Every structure is written in structure tokens, then in C-alpha cells.
PDB file of N, CA and C in Angstrom:
ATOM      1  N   MET A   1      56.379 -84.115 108.326  1.00  0.00           N
ATOM      2  CA  MET A   1      57.245 -83.233 107.544  1.00  0.00           C
ATOM      3  C   MET A   1      57.817 -83.926 106.370  1.00  0.00           C
ATOM      4  N   ASN A   2      58.016 -83.152 105.200  1.00  0.00           N
ATOM      5  CA  ASN A   2      58.869 -83.636 104.166  1.00  0.00           C
ATOM      6  C   ASN A   2      60.184 -83.404 104.522  1.00  0.00           C
ATOM      7  N   GLU A   3      60.787 -84.666 104.363  1.00  0.00           N
ATOM      8  CA  GLU A   3      62.451 -84.876 104.609  1.00  0.00           C
ATOM      9  C   GLU A   3      63.084 -83.736 103.687  1.00  0.00           C
ATOM     10  N   ALA A   4      62.660 -83.200 102.478  1.00  0.00           N
ATOM     11  CA  ALA A   4      63.347 -82.529 102.001  1.00  0.00           C
ATOM     12  C   ALA A   4      63.520 -81.222 102.684  1.00  0.00           C
ATOM     13  N   GLU A   5      62.597 -80.557 103.760  1.00  0.00           N
ATOM     14  CA  GLU A   5      62.542 -79.586 104.089  1.00  0.00           C
ATOM     15  C   GLU A   5      63.770 -79.361 105.157  1.00  0.00           C
ATOM     16  N   PHE A   6      64.432 -80.645 105.357  1.00  0.00           N
ATOM     17  CA  PHE A   6      65.609 -80.624 106.453  1.00  0.00           C
ATOM     18  C   PHE A   6      67.034 -80.551 105.568  1.00  0.00           C
ATOM     19  N   ILE A   7      67.678 -79.798 106.386  1.00  0.00           N
ATOM     20  CA  ILE A   7      69.101 -79.940 105.546  1.00  0.00           C
ATOM     21  C   ILE A   7      70.014 -80.792 106.165  1.00  0.00           C
ATOM     22  N   SER A   8      69.903 -80.906 107.227  1.00  0.00           N
ATOM     23  CA  SER A   8      70.782 -82.116 107.952  1.00  0.00           C
ATOM     24  C   SER A   8      70.337 -83.027 108.602  1.00  0.00           C
ATOM     25  N   LEU A   9      70.914 -83.926 109.197  1.00  0.00           N
ATOM     26  CA  LEU A   9      70.414 -85.110 110.125  1.00  0.00           C
ATOM     27  C   LEU A   9      69.988 -84.439 111.387  1.00  0.00           C
ATOM     28  N   GLU A  10      70.976 -83.481 111.676  1.00  0.00           N
ATOM     29  CA  GLU A  10      70.798 -82.854 113.224  1.00  0.00           C
ATOM     30  C   GLU A  10      69.360 -82.312 113.167  1.00  0.00           C
ATOM     31  N   ASP A  11      68.892 -81.492 112.107  1.00  0.00           N
ATOM     32  CA  ASP A  11      67.829 -81.115 112.245  1.00  0.00           C
ATOM     33  C   ASP A  11      66.891 -81.991 112.094  1.00  0.00           C
ATOM     34  N   LYS A  12      66.726 -82.947 111.424  1.00  0.00           N
ATOM     35  CA  LYS A  12      65.711 -83.948 111.404  1.00  0.00           C
ATOM     36  C   LYS A  12      65.614 -84.637 112.709  1.00  0.00           C
ATOM     37  N   LEU A  13      66.807 -84.854 113.223  1.00  0.00           N
ATOM     38  CA  LEU A  13      66.724 -85.308 114.845  1.00  0.00           C
ATOM     39  C   LEU A  13      65.932 -84.546 115.797  1.00  0.00           C
ATOM     40  N   LEU A  14      66.180 -83.412 115.627  1.00  0.00           N
ATOM     41  CA  LEU A  14      65.830 -82.481 116.777  1.00  0.00           C
ATOM     42  C   LEU A  14      64.293 -82.213 116.708  1.00  0.00           C
ATOM     43  N   HIS A  15      63.622 -82.281 115.272  1.00  0.00           N
ATOM     44  CA  HIS A  15      62.584 -82.306 114.952  1.00  0.00           C
ATOM     45  C   HIS A  15      61.557 -83.449 115.370  1.00  0.00           C
ATOM     46  N   TYR A  16      62.390 -84.534 115.209  1.00  0.00           N
ATOM     47  CA  TYR A  16      61.782 -85.737 115.656  1.00  0.00           C
ATOM     48  C   TYR A  16      61.589 -85.897 117.303  1.00  0.00           C
ATOM     49  N   ILE A  17      62.517 -85.250 117.922  1.00  0.00           N
ATOM     50  CA  ILE A  17      62.540 -85.522 119.191  1.00  0.00           C
ATOM     51  C   ILE A  17      61.607 -84.529 119.788  1.00  0.00           C
ATOM     52  N   GLN A  18      61.404 -83.329 119.327  1.00  0.00           N
ATOM     53  CA  GLN A  18      60.708 -82.337 119.699  1.00  0.00           C
ATOM     54  C   GLN A  18      59.263 -82.545 119.432  1.00  0.00           C
ATOM     55  N   TYR A  19      58.922 -83.350 118.466  1.00  0.00           N
ATOM     56  CA  TYR A  19      57.468 -83.603 117.824  1.00  0.00           C
ATOM     57  C   TYR A  19      56.840 -85.111 118.067  1.00  0.00           C
ATOM     58  N   CYS A  20      58.161 -86.040 118.010  1.00  0.00           N
ATOM     59  CA  CYS A  20      57.631 -87.305 117.964  1.00  0.00           C
ATOM     60  C   CYS A  20      57.575 -88.107 119.335  1.00  0.00           C
ATOM     61  N   CYS A  21      58.696 -87.672 120.060  1.00  0.00           N
ATOM     62  CA  CYS A  21      59.029 -88.282 121.512  1.00  0.00           C
ATOM     63  C   CYS A  21      58.134 -87.985 122.488  1.00  0.00           C
ATOM     64  N   HIS A  22      57.702 -88.602 123.576  1.00  0.00           N
ATOM     65  CA  HIS A  22      57.089 -88.245 124.737  1.00  0.00           C
ATOM     66  C   HIS A  22      58.062 -87.412 125.637  1.00  0.00           C
ATOM     67  N   ASP A  23      57.640 -86.006 125.881  1.00  0.00           N
ATOM     68  CA  ASP A  23      58.350 -85.345 126.968  1.00  0.00           C
ATOM     69  C   ASP A  23      59.860 -85.053 126.513  1.00  0.00           C
ATOM     70  N   GLY A  24      59.995 -85.034 124.864  1.00  0.00           N
ATOM     71  CA  GLY A  24      61.397 -84.439 124.198  1.00  0.00           C
ATOM     72  C   GLY A  24      62.517 -85.892 124.691  1.00  0.00           C
ATOM     73  N   LEU A  25      61.888 -86.951 125.112  1.00  0.00           N
ATOM     74  CA  LEU A  25      62.930 -87.832 125.349  1.00  0.00           C
ATOM     75  C   LEU A  25      62.994 -89.049 124.433  1.00  0.00           C
ATOM     76  N   LEU A  26      64.213 -89.153 123.946  1.00  0.00           N
ATOM     77  CA  LEU A  26      64.569 -90.094 123.031  1.00  0.00           C
ATOM     78  C   LEU A  26      64.934 -91.397 123.636  1.00  0.00           C
ATOM     79  N   VAL A  27      64.328 -92.274 123.590  1.00  0.00           N
ATOM     80  CA  VAL A  27      64.555 -93.920 124.147  1.00  0.00           C
ATOM     81  C   VAL A  27      64.780 -94.857 123.219  1.00  0.00           C
ATOM     82  N   HIS A  28      64.321 -94.940 122.133  1.00  0.00           N
ATOM     83  CA  HIS A  28      64.480 -95.872 121.389  1.00  0.00           C
ATOM     84  C   HIS A  28      65.499 -95.279 119.870  1.00  0.00           C
ATOM     85  N   ILE A  29      67.100 -95.754 120.167  1.00  0.00           N
ATOM     86  CA  ILE A  29      67.650 -95.131 119.098  1.00  0.00           C
ATOM     87  C   ILE A  29      67.343 -96.180 117.730  1.00  0.00           C
ATOM     88  N   GLY A  30      67.195 -97.158 117.891  1.00  0.00           N
ATOM     89  CA  GLY A  30      67.202 -98.253 116.804  1.00  0.00           C
ATOM     90  C   GLY A  30      65.845 -97.564 115.934  1.00  0.00           C
ATOM     91  N   LYS A  31      64.676 -97.565 116.606  1.00  0.00           N
ATOM     92  CA  LYS A  31      63.367 -97.196 116.084  1.00  0.00           C
ATOM     93  C   LYS A  31      63.558 -95.639 115.620  1.00  0.00           C
ATOM     94  N   ALA A  32      64.418 -94.660 116.257  1.00  0.00           N
ATOM     95  CA  ALA A  32      64.525 -93.290 115.821  1.00  0.00           C
ATOM     96  C   ALA A  32      65.467 -93.484 114.222  1.00  0.00           C
ATOM     97  N   SER A  33      66.399 -94.286 114.281  1.00  0.00           N
ATOM     98  CA  SER A  33      67.336 -94.475 113.017  1.00  0.00           C
ATOM     99  C   SER A  33      66.320 -94.996 111.798  1.00  0.00           C
ATOM    100  N   GLU A  34      65.353 -95.552 112.083  1.00  0.00           N
ATOM    101  CA  GLU A  34      64.780 -96.277 111.259  1.00  0.00           C
ATOM    102  C   GLU A  34      63.801 -95.222 110.728  1.00  0.00           C
ATOM    103  N   ASN A  35      62.942 -94.405 111.607  1.00  0.00           N
ATOM    104  CA  ASN A  35      62.347 -93.580 111.077  1.00  0.00           C
ATOM    105  C   ASN A  35      63.198 -92.108 110.579  1.00  0.00           C
ATOM    106  N   LEU A  36      64.125 -92.130 110.912  1.00  0.00           N
ATOM    107  CA  LEU A  36      65.144 -90.846 110.562  1.00  0.00           C
ATOM    108  C   LEU A  36      65.720 -91.353 108.868  1.00  0.00           C
ATOM    109  N   HIS A  37      65.725 -92.715 108.615  1.00  0.00           N
ATOM    110  CA  HIS A  37      66.277 -92.917 107.714  1.00  0.00           C
ATOM    111  C   HIS A  37      67.874 -93.019 107.394  1.00  0.00           C
ATOM    112  N   CYS A  38      68.364 -93.254 108.721  1.00  0.00           N
ATOM    113  CA  CYS A  38      69.894 -93.129 108.615  1.00  0.00           C
ATOM    114  C   CYS A  38      70.435 -94.474 109.489  1.00  0.00           C
ATOM    115  N   SER A  39      71.930 -94.682 109.383  1.00  0.00           N
ATOM    116  CA  SER A  39      72.174 -95.886 109.970  1.00  0.00           C
ATOM    117  C   SER A  39      72.323 -95.378 111.812  1.00  0.00           C
ATOM    118  N   ARG A  40      72.218 -96.746 112.534  1.00  0.00           N
ATOM    119  CA  ARG A  40      72.161 -96.335 113.897  1.00  0.00           C
ATOM    120  C   ARG A  40      73.815 -95.616 114.186  1.00  0.00           C
ATOM    121  N   ARG A  41      74.559 -95.807 113.619  1.00  0.00           N
ATOM    122  CA  ARG A  41      76.345 -95.302 113.565  1.00  0.00           C
ATOM    123  C   ARG A  41      76.045 -93.874 113.347  1.00  0.00           C
ATOM    124  N   GLN A  42      75.211 -93.461 112.295  1.00  0.00           N
ATOM    125  CA  GLN A  42      75.214 -92.082 112.070  1.00  0.00           C
ATOM    126  C   GLN A  42      74.556 -91.289 113.135  1.00  0.00           C
ATOM    127  N   LEU A  43      73.453 -91.892 113.642  1.00  0.00           N
ATOM    128  CA  LEU A  43      72.611 -91.172 114.657  1.00  0.00           C
ATOM    129  C   LEU A  43      73.397 -91.146 116.055  1.00  0.00           C
ATOM    130  N   GLN A  44      73.969 -92.267 116.280  1.00  0.00           N
ATOM    131  CA  GLN A  44      75.096 -92.190 117.453  1.00  0.00           C
ATOM    132  C   GLN A  44      75.947 -90.869 117.393  1.00  0.00           C
ATOM    133  N   ARG A  45      76.610 -90.564 116.340  1.00  0.00           N
ATOM    134  CA  ARG A  45      77.545 -89.526 116.236  1.00  0.00           C
ATOM    135  C   ARG A  45      76.944 -88.269 116.200  1.00  0.00           C
ATOM    136  N   VAL A  46      75.567 -88.165 115.622  1.00  0.00           N
ATOM    137  CA  VAL A  46      75.113 -86.782 115.881  1.00  0.00           C
ATOM    138  C   VAL A  46      74.436 -86.513 117.156  1.00  0.00           C
ATOM    139  N   LEU A  47      74.184 -87.718 118.001  1.00  0.00           N
ATOM    140  CA  LEU A  47      73.685 -87.573 119.153  1.00  0.00           C
ATOM    141  C   LEU A  47      74.879 -87.044 120.168  1.00  0.00           C
ATOM    142  N   ARG A  48      76.182 -87.724 120.037  1.00  0.00           N
ATOM    143  CA  ARG A  48      77.043 -87.349 120.519  1.00  0.00           C
ATOM    144  C   ARG A  48      77.578 -85.817 120.448  1.00  0.00           C
ATOM    145  N   LYS A  49      77.255 -85.255 119.146  1.00  0.00           N
ATOM    146  CA  LYS A  49      77.828 -84.003 118.693  1.00  0.00           C
ATOM    147  C   LYS A  49      76.817 -82.916 119.245  1.00  0.00           C
ATOM    148  N   LEU A  50      75.422 -83.325 119.560  1.00  0.00           N
ATOM    149  CA  LEU A  50      74.372 -82.351 120.117  1.00  0.00           C
ATOM    150  C   LEU A  50      74.678 -82.541 121.493  1.00  0.00           C
ATOM    151  N   THR A  51      75.078 -83.592 122.114  1.00  0.00           N
ATOM    152  CA  THR A  51      75.144 -83.692 123.453  1.00  0.00           C
ATOM    153  C   THR A  51      76.600 -82.762 124.008  1.00  0.00           C
ATOM    154  N   GLU A  52      77.531 -82.851 122.905  1.00  0.00           N
ATOM    155  CA  GLU A  52      78.831 -81.776 123.244  1.00  0.00           C
ATOM    156  C   GLU A  52      78.451 -80.585 123.184  1.00  0.00           C
ATOM    157  N   GLN A  53      77.572 -80.136 122.308  1.00  0.00           N
ATOM    158  CA  GLN A  53      77.150 -78.888 122.014  1.00  0.00           C
ATOM    159  C   GLN A  53      76.015 -78.199 123.320  1.00  0.00           C
ATOM    160  N   GLY A  54      75.542 -79.152 124.082  1.00  0.00           N
ATOM    161  CA  GLY A  54      74.552 -78.813 125.171  1.00  0.00           C
ATOM    162  C   GLY A  54      73.450 -78.646 124.572  1.00  0.00           C
ATOM    163  N   ILE A  55      73.009 -79.283 123.371  1.00  0.00           N
ATOM    164  CA  ILE A  55      71.519 -79.149 122.909  1.00  0.00           C
ATOM    165  C   ILE A  55      70.709 -80.542 123.389  1.00  0.00           C
ATOM    166  N   LEU A  56      71.378 -81.582 123.569  1.00  0.00           N
ATOM    167  CA  LEU A  56      70.733 -82.622 124.230  1.00  0.00           C
ATOM    168  C   LEU A  56      71.648 -82.981 125.623  1.00  0.00           C
ATOM    169  N   GLU A  57      71.061 -83.970 126.524  1.00  0.00           N
ATOM    170  CA  GLU A  57      71.482 -84.452 127.525  1.00  0.00           C
ATOM    171  C   GLU A  57      71.261 -85.988 127.663  1.00  0.00           C
ATOM    172  N   LYS A  58      72.347 -86.517 127.929  1.00  0.00           N
ATOM    173  CA  LYS A  58      72.272 -88.033 127.935  1.00  0.00           C
ATOM    174  C   LYS A  58      71.984 -88.649 129.252  1.00  0.00           C
ATOM    175  N   THR A  59      70.909 -89.020 129.454  1.00  0.00           N
ATOM    176  CA  THR A  59      70.404 -89.492 130.989  1.00  0.00           C
ATOM    177  C   THR A  59      70.508 -90.380 131.377  1.00  0.00           C
ATOM    178  N   SER A  60      70.808 -91.473 130.545  1.00  0.00           N
ATOM    179  CA  SER A  60      71.267 -92.885 130.787  1.00  0.00           C
ATOM    180  C   SER A  60      71.575 -93.527 129.337  1.00  0.00           C
ATOM    181  N   LYS A  61      72.025 -94.828 129.450  1.00  0.00           N
ATOM    182  CA  LYS A  61      72.349 -95.350 128.331  1.00  0.00           C
ATOM    183  C   LYS A  61      71.495 -95.547 127.323  1.00  0.00           C
ATOM    184  N   GLY A  62      71.742 -94.843 126.054  1.00  0.00           N
ATOM    185  CA  GLY A  62      70.603 -94.870 125.169  1.00  0.00           C
ATOM    186  C   GLY A  62      69.321 -93.981 125.167  1.00  0.00           C
ATOM    187  N   VAL A  63      69.576 -93.155 126.337  1.00  0.00           N
ATOM    188  CA  VAL A  63      68.167 -92.127 126.407  1.00  0.00           C
ATOM    189  C   VAL A  63      68.883 -90.735 126.602  1.00  0.00           C
ATOM    190  N   TYR A  64      68.126 -89.705 125.541  1.00  0.00           N
ATOM    191  CA  TYR A  64      68.833 -88.490 125.354  1.00  0.00           C
ATOM    192  C   TYR A  64      67.458 -87.695 125.615  1.00  0.00           C
ATOM    193  N   ARG A  65      67.736 -86.747 126.137  1.00  0.00           N
ATOM    194  CA  ARG A  65      66.591 -85.576 126.659  1.00  0.00           C
ATOM    195  C   ARG A  65      66.917 -84.178 125.830  1.00  0.00           C
ATOM    196  N   LEU A  66      66.070 -83.542 125.274  1.00  0.00           N
ATOM    197  CA  LEU A  66      66.333 -82.296 124.352  1.00  0.00           C
ATOM    198  C   LEU A  66      66.340 -81.314 125.936  1.00  0.00           C
ATOM    199  N   LEU A  67      67.197 -80.467 125.752  1.00  0.00           N
ATOM    200  CA  LEU A  67      67.306 -79.451 127.041  1.00  0.00           C
ATOM    201  C   LEU A  67      66.796 -78.150 126.446  1.00  0.00           C
ATOM    202  N   PRO A  68      65.868 -77.308 127.561  1.00  0.00           N
ATOM    203  CA  PRO A  68      65.308 -76.502 126.817  1.00  0.00           C
ATOM    204  C   PRO A  68      66.301 -75.248 126.435  1.00  0.00           C
ATOM    205  N   THR A  69      65.731 -74.540 125.508  1.00  0.00           N
ATOM    206  CA  THR A  69      66.388 -73.577 124.742  1.00  0.00           C
ATOM    207  C   THR A  69      66.748 -72.178 125.710  1.00  0.00           C
ATOM    208  N   GLN A  70      67.708 -71.426 125.536  1.00  0.00           N
ATOM    209  CA  GLN A  70      67.900 -70.563 126.647  1.00  0.00           C
ATOM    210  C   GLN A  70      67.978 -69.127 126.221  1.00  0.00           C
TER     211      GLN A  70
END
């Protein structure tokens, strides 16, 4: 997908987890930040925000899972 199609880093991240991560499980934050063209710190902020909103679940240190939509 073209990056211009996404409005925010949240949208890019959710698309990345859904289509590029096996079983909707984000394991490598460093690799994801490179692929999403953002800093690791930016990505950590977005991950925390989406976890607080109940969109993602932190399963262990540095591992996040996309929760099914309800």
C-alpha cells in the first residue's frame, strides 16, 4: 500500500499488523518502525495508545496482538 493512503501512524500500524504480521502478532518493534518509517519511540507511543483503547493487547515485553473487532 502507498503511504499516502494512510492518514496517521495508527492507521499504518494497524494495517501492518493485520496484513504483514503472522497471526496479528507484532513481535519486532524495531523492524516495524523501519517498515513504517517512524522512530521506535513514536511507535511505542502509538502502541501504548492503542493498547489503552483496547485495540491491541500487550502479551509480553515488546509483543502486541491485534484484538478482534466487536
